[in-house]
Amino acid sequence: MRLVLEIFRIIVIFFIVGAALGGLLKIIYKSIGINVDNTNGGWLVGFSILIFFFILYRNKLQFQAFIMGKEG
C-alpha cells in the first residue's frame, strides 16, 4: 500500500503541481507580452519544470516519503 501511495505522490508532484506551475509561468509570460503557445519555448518551459521537480524530489522530497528506509 505504501508503494501505491508513493507513486500517487510522485504523480501529483510532477503532473498536477507541474501543470499549475506551467500555467503560472504562461500567465507571467503573457503579461510581459511573450506568447509561448505552439513554440519551442513552451516545450522548454515544460521540460525545465520537469527537471526542477526531479532535482527537488531527489534532493528533498525523497526523504519525506511514505516508504521508510533503514534509518526510519
PDB file of N, CA and C in Angstrom:
ATOM      1  N   MET A   1       0.824  -1.194   0.000  1.00  0.00           N
ATOM      2  CA  MET A   1       0.000   0.000   0.000  1.00  0.00           C
ATOM      3  C   MET A   1       0.870   1.259   0.000  1.00  0.00           C
ATOM      4  N   ARG A   2       1.997   1.224   0.716  1.00  0.00           N
ATOM      5  CA  ARG A   2       2.865   2.404   0.759  1.00  0.00           C
ATOM      6  C   ARG A   2       3.453   2.716  -0.606  1.00  0.00           C
ATOM      7  N   LEU A   3       3.738   1.680  -1.382  1.00  0.00           N
ATOM      8  CA  LEU A   3       4.279   1.883  -2.720  1.00  0.00           C
ATOM      9  C   LEU A   3       3.260   2.605  -3.605  1.00  0.00           C
ATOM     10  N   VAL A   4       2.003   2.221  -3.496  1.00  0.00           N
ATOM     11  CA  VAL A   4       0.945   2.876  -4.275  1.00  0.00           C
ATOM     12  C   VAL A   4       0.820   4.343  -3.862  1.00  0.00           C
ATOM     13  N   LEU A   5       0.881   4.603  -2.564  1.00  0.00           N
ATOM     14  CA  LEU A   5       0.813   5.983  -2.095  1.00  0.00           C
ATOM     15  C   LEU A   5       2.013   6.804  -2.571  1.00  0.00           C
ATOM     16  N   GLU A   6       3.179   6.196  -2.592  1.00  0.00           N
ATOM     17  CA  GLU A   6       4.375   6.893  -3.058  1.00  0.00           C
ATOM     18  C   GLU A   6       4.285   7.217  -4.547  1.00  0.00           C
ATOM     19  N   ILE A   7       3.818   6.277  -5.336  1.00  0.00           N
ATOM     20  CA  ILE A   7       3.653   6.528  -6.770  1.00  0.00           C
ATOM     21  C   ILE A   7       2.607   7.609  -6.999  1.00  0.00           C
ATOM     22  N   PHE A   8       1.523   7.577  -6.253  1.00  0.00           N
ATOM     23  CA  PHE A   8       0.495   8.619  -6.357  1.00  0.00           C
ATOM     24  C   PHE A   8       1.071   9.980  -5.988  1.00  0.00           C
ATOM     25  N   ARG A   9       1.897  10.025  -4.970  1.00  0.00           N
ATOM     26  CA  ARG A   9       2.537  11.270  -4.535  1.00  0.00           C
ATOM     27  C   ARG A   9       3.450  11.824  -5.624  1.00  0.00           C
ATOM     28  N   ILE A  10       4.204  10.955  -6.273  1.00  0.00           N
ATOM     29  CA  ILE A  10       5.085  11.385  -7.360  1.00  0.00           C
ATOM     30  C   ILE A  10       4.264  11.920  -8.526  1.00  0.00           C
ATOM     31  N   ILE A  11       3.178  11.245  -8.858  1.00  0.00           N
ATOM     32  CA  ILE A  11       2.316  11.701  -9.951  1.00  0.00           C
ATOM     33  C   ILE A  11       1.734  13.070  -9.637  1.00  0.00           C
ATOM     34  N   VAL A  12       1.289  13.266  -8.407  1.00  0.00           N
ATOM     35  CA  VAL A  12       0.732  14.561  -8.019  1.00  0.00           C
ATOM     36  C   VAL A  12       1.789  15.650  -8.112  1.00  0.00           C
ATOM     37  N   ILE A  13       2.970  15.374  -7.603  1.00  0.00           N
ATOM     38  CA  ILE A  13       4.033  16.379  -7.625  1.00  0.00           C
ATOM     39  C   ILE A  13       4.413  16.734  -9.051  1.00  0.00           C
ATOM     40  N   PHE A  14       4.658  15.742  -9.874  1.00  0.00           N
ATOM     41  CA  PHE A  14       5.164  16.002 -11.209  1.00  0.00           C
ATOM     42  C   PHE A  14       4.100  16.558 -12.146  1.00  0.00           C
ATOM     43  N   PHE A  15       2.912  16.003 -12.138  1.00  0.00           N
ATOM     44  CA  PHE A  15       1.934  16.395 -13.136  1.00  0.00           C
ATOM     45  C   PHE A  15       1.019  17.523 -12.684  1.00  0.00           C
ATOM     46  N   ILE A  16       0.410  17.402 -11.540  1.00  0.00           N
ATOM     47  CA  ILE A  16      -0.565  18.409 -11.134  1.00  0.00           C
ATOM     48  C   ILE A  16       0.123  19.702 -10.704  1.00  0.00           C
ATOM     49  N   VAL A  17       1.100  19.607  -9.830  1.00  0.00           N
ATOM     50  CA  VAL A  17       1.819  20.809  -9.397  1.00  0.00           C
ATOM     51  C   VAL A  17       2.647  21.364 -10.558  1.00  0.00           C
ATOM     52  N   GLY A  18       3.212  20.500 -11.376  1.00  0.00           N
ATOM     53  CA  GLY A  18       3.959  20.941 -12.547  1.00  0.00           C
ATOM     54  C   GLY A  18       3.072  21.671 -13.545  1.00  0.00           C
ATOM     55  N   ALA A  19       1.858  21.174 -13.755  1.00  0.00           N
ATOM     56  CA  ALA A  19       0.929  21.840 -14.667  1.00  0.00           C
ATOM     57  C   ALA A  19       0.506  23.202 -14.111  1.00  0.00           C
ATOM     58  N   ALA A  20       0.286  23.265 -12.807  1.00  0.00           N
ATOM     59  CA  ALA A  20      -0.064  24.551 -12.195  1.00  0.00           C
ATOM     60  C   ALA A  20       1.081  25.555 -12.320  1.00  0.00           C
ATOM     61  N   LEU A  21       2.297  25.104 -12.100  1.00  0.00           N
ATOM     62  CA  LEU A  21       3.455  25.982 -12.243  1.00  0.00           C
ATOM     63  C   LEU A  21       3.634  26.404 -13.698  1.00  0.00           C
ATOM     64  N   GLY A  22       3.404  25.501 -14.625  1.00  0.00           N
ATOM     65  CA  GLY A  22       3.476  25.842 -16.052  1.00  0.00           C
ATOM     66  C   GLY A  22       2.429  26.877 -16.432  1.00  0.00           C
ATOM     67  N   GLY A  23       1.215  26.722 -15.907  1.00  0.00           N
ATOM     68  CA  GLY A  23       0.171  27.713 -16.166  1.00  0.00           C
ATOM     69  C   GLY A  23       0.512  29.072 -15.590  1.00  0.00           C
ATOM     70  N   LEU A  24       1.101  29.068 -14.410  1.00  0.00           N
ATOM     71  CA  LEU A  24       1.515  30.327 -13.786  1.00  0.00           C
ATOM     72  C   LEU A  24       2.599  31.013 -14.617  1.00  0.00           C
ATOM     73  N   LEU A  25       3.569  30.242 -15.090  1.00  0.00           N
ATOM     74  CA  LEU A  25       4.615  30.822 -15.930  1.00  0.00           C
ATOM     75  C   LEU A  25       4.053  31.333 -17.248  1.00  0.00           C
ATOM     76  N   LYS A  26       3.054  30.640 -17.793  1.00  0.00           N
ATOM     77  CA  LYS A  26       2.417  31.088 -19.027  1.00  0.00           C
ATOM     78  C   LYS A  26       1.719  32.430 -18.825  1.00  0.00           C
ATOM     79  N   ILE A  27       1.068  32.598 -17.687  1.00  0.00           N
ATOM     80  CA  ILE A  27       0.417  33.868 -17.361  1.00  0.00           C
ATOM     81  C   ILE A  27       1.451  34.976 -17.209  1.00  0.00           C
ATOM     82  N   ILE A  28       2.559  34.664 -16.565  1.00  0.00           N
ATOM     83  CA  ILE A  28       3.623  35.662 -16.395  1.00  0.00           C
ATOM     84  C   ILE A  28       4.189  36.067 -17.754  1.00  0.00           C
ATOM     85  N   TYR A  29       4.451  35.084 -18.616  1.00  0.00           N
ATOM     86  CA  TYR A  29       4.961  35.394 -19.951  1.00  0.00           C
ATOM     87  C   TYR A  29       3.966  36.241 -20.741  1.00  0.00           C
ATOM     88  N   LYS A  30       2.677  35.886 -20.640  1.00  0.00           N
ATOM     89  CA  LYS A  30       1.655  36.632 -21.370  1.00  0.00           C
ATOM     90  C   LYS A  30       1.553  38.069 -20.868  1.00  0.00           C
ATOM     91  N   SER A  31       1.749  38.274 -19.566  1.00  0.00           N
ATOM     92  CA  SER A  31       1.641  39.629 -19.016  1.00  0.00           C
ATOM     93  C   SER A  31       2.777  40.534 -19.483  1.00  0.00           C
ATOM     94  N   ILE A  32       3.919  39.950 -19.868  1.00  0.00           N
ATOM     95  CA  ILE A  32       5.008  40.779 -20.374  1.00  0.00           C
ATOM     96  C   ILE A  32       5.072  40.766 -21.903  1.00  0.00           C
ATOM     97  N   GLY A  33       4.066  40.144 -22.535  1.00  0.00           N
ATOM     98  CA  GLY A  33       3.943  40.217 -23.984  1.00  0.00           C
ATOM     99  C   GLY A  33       4.631  39.124 -24.763  1.00  0.00           C
ATOM    100  N   ILE A  34       4.961  38.011 -24.137  1.00  0.00           N
ATOM    101  CA  ILE A  34       5.604  36.895 -24.834  1.00  0.00           C
ATOM    102  C   ILE A  34       4.601  35.756 -24.973  1.00  0.00           C
ATOM    103  N   ASN A  35       4.403  35.275 -26.192  1.00  0.00           N
ATOM    104  CA  ASN A  35       3.482  34.179 -26.444  1.00  0.00           C
ATOM    105  C   ASN A  35       4.287  32.902 -26.654  1.00  0.00           C
ATOM    106  N   VAL A  36       4.110  31.919 -25.801  1.00  0.00           N
ATOM    107  CA  VAL A  36       4.853  30.660 -25.910  1.00  0.00           C
ATOM    108  C   VAL A  36       3.978  29.512 -26.392  1.00  0.00           C
ATOM    109  N   ASP A  37       2.755  29.798 -26.831  1.00  0.00           N
ATOM    110  CA  ASP A  37       1.875  28.747 -27.345  1.00  0.00           C
ATOM    111  C   ASP A  37       2.399  28.235 -28.680  1.00  0.00           C
ATOM    112  N   ASN A  38       2.445  26.925 -28.814  1.00  0.00           N
ATOM    113  CA  ASN A  38       2.869  26.241 -30.042  1.00  0.00           C
ATOM    114  C   ASN A  38       4.251  26.672 -30.519  1.00  0.00           C
ATOM    115  N   THR A  39       5.139  26.901 -29.597  1.00  0.00           N
ATOM    116  CA  THR A  39       6.517  27.242 -29.943  1.00  0.00           C
ATOM    117  C   THR A  39       7.453  26.323 -29.185  1.00  0.00           C
ATOM    118  N   ASN A  40       8.716  26.375 -29.528  1.00  0.00           N
ATOM    119  CA  ASN A  40       9.715  25.598 -28.791  1.00  0.00           C
ATOM    120  C   ASN A  40       9.913  26.157 -27.391  1.00  0.00           C
ATOM    121  N   GLY A  41       9.601  27.404 -27.176  1.00  0.00           N
ATOM    122  CA  GLY A  41       9.713  27.998 -25.848  1.00  0.00           C
ATOM    123  C   GLY A  41       8.770  27.358 -24.847  1.00  0.00           C
ATOM    124  N   GLY A  42       7.584  26.984 -25.295  1.00  0.00           N
ATOM    125  CA  GLY A  42       6.636  26.294 -24.421  1.00  0.00           C
ATOM    126  C   GLY A  42       7.149  24.937 -23.988  1.00  0.00           C
ATOM    127  N   TRP A  43       7.750  24.199 -24.916  1.00  0.00           N
ATOM    128  CA  TRP A  43       8.341  22.903 -24.579  1.00  0.00           C
ATOM    129  C   TRP A  43       9.517  23.073 -23.628  1.00  0.00           C
ATOM    130  N   LEU A  44      10.289  24.122 -23.844  1.00  0.00           N
ATOM    131  CA  LEU A  44      11.451  24.372 -22.994  1.00  0.00           C
ATOM    132  C   LEU A  44      11.023  24.677 -21.560  1.00  0.00           C
ATOM    133  N   VAL A  45       9.956  25.444 -21.405  1.00  0.00           N
ATOM    134  CA  VAL A  45       9.437  25.752 -20.065  1.00  0.00           C
ATOM    135  C   VAL A  45       8.948  24.481 -19.382  1.00  0.00           C
ATOM    136  N   GLY A  46       8.203  23.650 -20.097  1.00  0.00           N
ATOM    137  CA  GLY A  46       7.716  22.397 -19.526  1.00  0.00           C
ATOM    138  C   GLY A  46       8.832  21.453 -19.146  1.00  0.00           C
ATOM    139  N   PHE A  47       9.825  21.356 -19.996  1.00  0.00           N
ATOM    140  CA  PHE A  47      10.966  20.486 -19.720  1.00  0.00           C
ATOM    141  C   PHE A  47      11.762  20.991 -18.520  1.00  0.00           C
ATOM    142  N   SER A  48      11.916  22.303 -18.417  1.00  0.00           N
ATOM    143  CA  SER A  48      12.653  22.858 -17.274  1.00  0.00           C
ATOM    144  C   SER A  48      11.898  22.642 -15.961  1.00  0.00           C
ATOM    145  N   ILE A  49      10.576  22.674 -15.996  1.00  0.00           N
ATOM    146  CA  ILE A  49       9.784  22.394 -14.796  1.00  0.00           C
ATOM    147  C   ILE A  49       9.977  20.935 -14.371  1.00  0.00           C
ATOM    148  N   LEU A  50       9.975  20.016 -15.337  1.00  0.00           N
ATOM    149  CA  LEU A  50      10.199  18.605 -15.005  1.00  0.00           C
ATOM    150  C   LEU A  50      11.589  18.379 -14.419  1.00  0.00           C
ATOM    151  N   ILE A  51      12.594  19.029 -14.974  1.00  0.00           N
ATOM    152  CA  ILE A  51      13.948  18.909 -14.423  1.00  0.00           C
ATOM    153  C   ILE A  51      13.994  19.473 -13.009  1.00  0.00           C
ATOM    154  N   PHE A  52      13.346  20.621 -12.791  1.00  0.00           N
ATOM    155  CA  PHE A  52      13.301  21.239 -11.468  1.00  0.00           C
ATOM    156  C   PHE A  52      12.678  20.298 -10.438  1.00  0.00           C
ATOM    157  N   PHE A  53      11.527  19.691 -10.778  1.00  0.00           N
ATOM    158  CA  PHE A  53      10.872  18.791  -9.837  1.00  0.00           C
ATOM    159  C   PHE A  53      11.668  17.511  -9.627  1.00  0.00           C
ATOM    160  N   PHE A  54      12.346  17.018 -10.654  1.00  0.00           N
ATOM    161  CA  PHE A  54      13.175  15.821 -10.494  1.00  0.00           C
ATOM    162  C   PHE A  54      14.307  16.088  -9.507  1.00  0.00           C
ATOM    163  N   ILE A  55      14.979  17.218  -9.666  1.00  0.00           N
ATOM    164  CA  ILE A  55      16.071  17.564  -8.749  1.00  0.00           C
ATOM    165  C   ILE A  55      15.540  17.805  -7.346  1.00  0.00           C
ATOM    166  N   LEU A  56      14.410  18.505  -7.235  1.00  0.00           N
ATOM    167  CA  LEU A  56      13.801  18.749  -5.925  1.00  0.00           C
ATOM    168  C   LEU A  56      13.412  17.435  -5.259  1.00  0.00           C
ATOM    169  N   TYR A  57      12.848  16.505  -6.032  1.00  0.00           N
ATOM    170  CA  TYR A  57      12.447  15.225  -5.469  1.00  0.00           C
ATOM    171  C   TYR A  57      13.659  14.421  -5.006  1.00  0.00           C
ATOM    172  N   ARG A  58      14.693  14.360  -5.832  1.00  0.00           N
ATOM    173  CA  ARG A  58      15.879  13.567  -5.477  1.00  0.00           C
ATOM    174  C   ARG A  58      16.627  14.149  -4.286  1.00  0.00           C
ATOM    175  N   ASN A  59      16.567  15.453  -4.085  1.00  0.00           N
ATOM    176  CA  ASN A  59      17.325  16.075  -3.008  1.00  0.00           C
ATOM    177  C   ASN A  59      16.527  16.248  -1.714  1.00  0.00           C
ATOM    178  N   LYS A  60      15.266  16.554  -1.788  1.00  0.00           N
ATOM    179  CA  LYS A  60      14.496  16.858  -0.576  1.00  0.00           C
ATOM    180  C   LYS A  60      13.289  15.948  -0.373  1.00  0.00           C
ATOM    181  N   LEU A  61      12.426  15.851  -1.363  1.00  0.00           N
ATOM    182  CA  LEU A  61      11.147  15.177  -1.179  1.00  0.00           C
ATOM    183  C   LEU A  61      11.268  13.673  -1.021  1.00  0.00           C
ATOM    184  N   GLN A  62      12.335  13.094  -1.506  1.00  0.00           N
ATOM    185  CA  GLN A  62      12.529  11.655  -1.398  1.00  0.00           C
ATOM    186  C   GLN A  62      12.645  11.226   0.063  1.00  0.00           C
ATOM    187  N   PHE A  63      13.158  12.089   0.910  1.00  0.00           N
ATOM    188  CA  PHE A  63      13.385  11.742   2.308  1.00  0.00           C
ATOM    189  C   PHE A  63      12.168  12.010   3.186  1.00  0.00           C
ATOM    190  N   GLN A  64      11.078  12.511   2.608  1.00  0.00           N
ATOM    191  CA  GLN A  64       9.835  12.723   3.337  1.00  0.00           C
ATOM    192  C   GLN A  64       8.749  11.798   2.807  1.00  0.00           C
ATOM    193  N   ALA A  65       9.123  10.609   2.362  1.00  0.00           N
ATOM    194  CA  ALA A  65       8.229   9.700   1.667  1.00  0.00           C
ATOM    195  C   ALA A  65       7.429   8.829   2.634  1.00  0.00           C
ATOM    196  N   PHE A  66       6.472   8.098   2.078  1.00  0.00           N
ATOM    197  CA  PHE A  66       5.684   7.143   2.841  1.00  0.00           C
ATOM    198  C   PHE A  66       6.513   5.895   3.135  1.00  0.00           C
ATOM    199  N   ILE A  67       7.457   5.571   2.264  1.00  0.00           N
ATOM    200  CA  ILE A  67       8.297   4.391   2.418  1.00  0.00           C
ATOM    201  C   ILE A  67       9.524   4.779   3.222  1.00  0.00           C
ATOM    202  N   MET A  68       9.713   4.144   4.344  1.00  0.00           N
ATOM    203  CA  MET A  68      10.856   4.453   5.197  1.00  0.00           C
ATOM    204  C   MET A  68      11.994   3.477   4.924  1.00  0.00           C
ATOM    205  N   GLY A  69      13.195   3.983   4.931  1.00  0.00           N
ATOM    206  CA  GLY A  69      14.373   3.155   4.731  1.00  0.00           C
ATOM    207  C   GLY A  69      14.840   2.555   6.043  1.00  0.00           C
ATOM    208  N   LYS A  70      16.100   2.179   6.115  1.00  0.00           N
ATOM    209  CA  LYS A  70      16.633   1.538   7.309  1.00  0.00           C
ATOM    210  C   LYS A  70      16.737   2.508   8.480  1.00  0.00           C
ATOM    211  N   GLU A  71      16.907   3.813   8.190  1.00  0.00           N
ATOM    212  CA  GLU A  71      17.003   4.780   9.286  1.00  0.00           C
ATOM    213  C   GLU A  71      15.646   5.089   9.896  1.00  0.00           C
ATOM    214  N   GLY A  72      14.542   4.961   9.109  1.00  0.00           N
ATOM    215  CA  GLY A  72      13.221   5.379   9.561  1.00  0.00           C
ATOM    216  C   GLY A  72      12.476   4.339  10.182  1.00  0.00           C
TER     217      GLY A  72
END
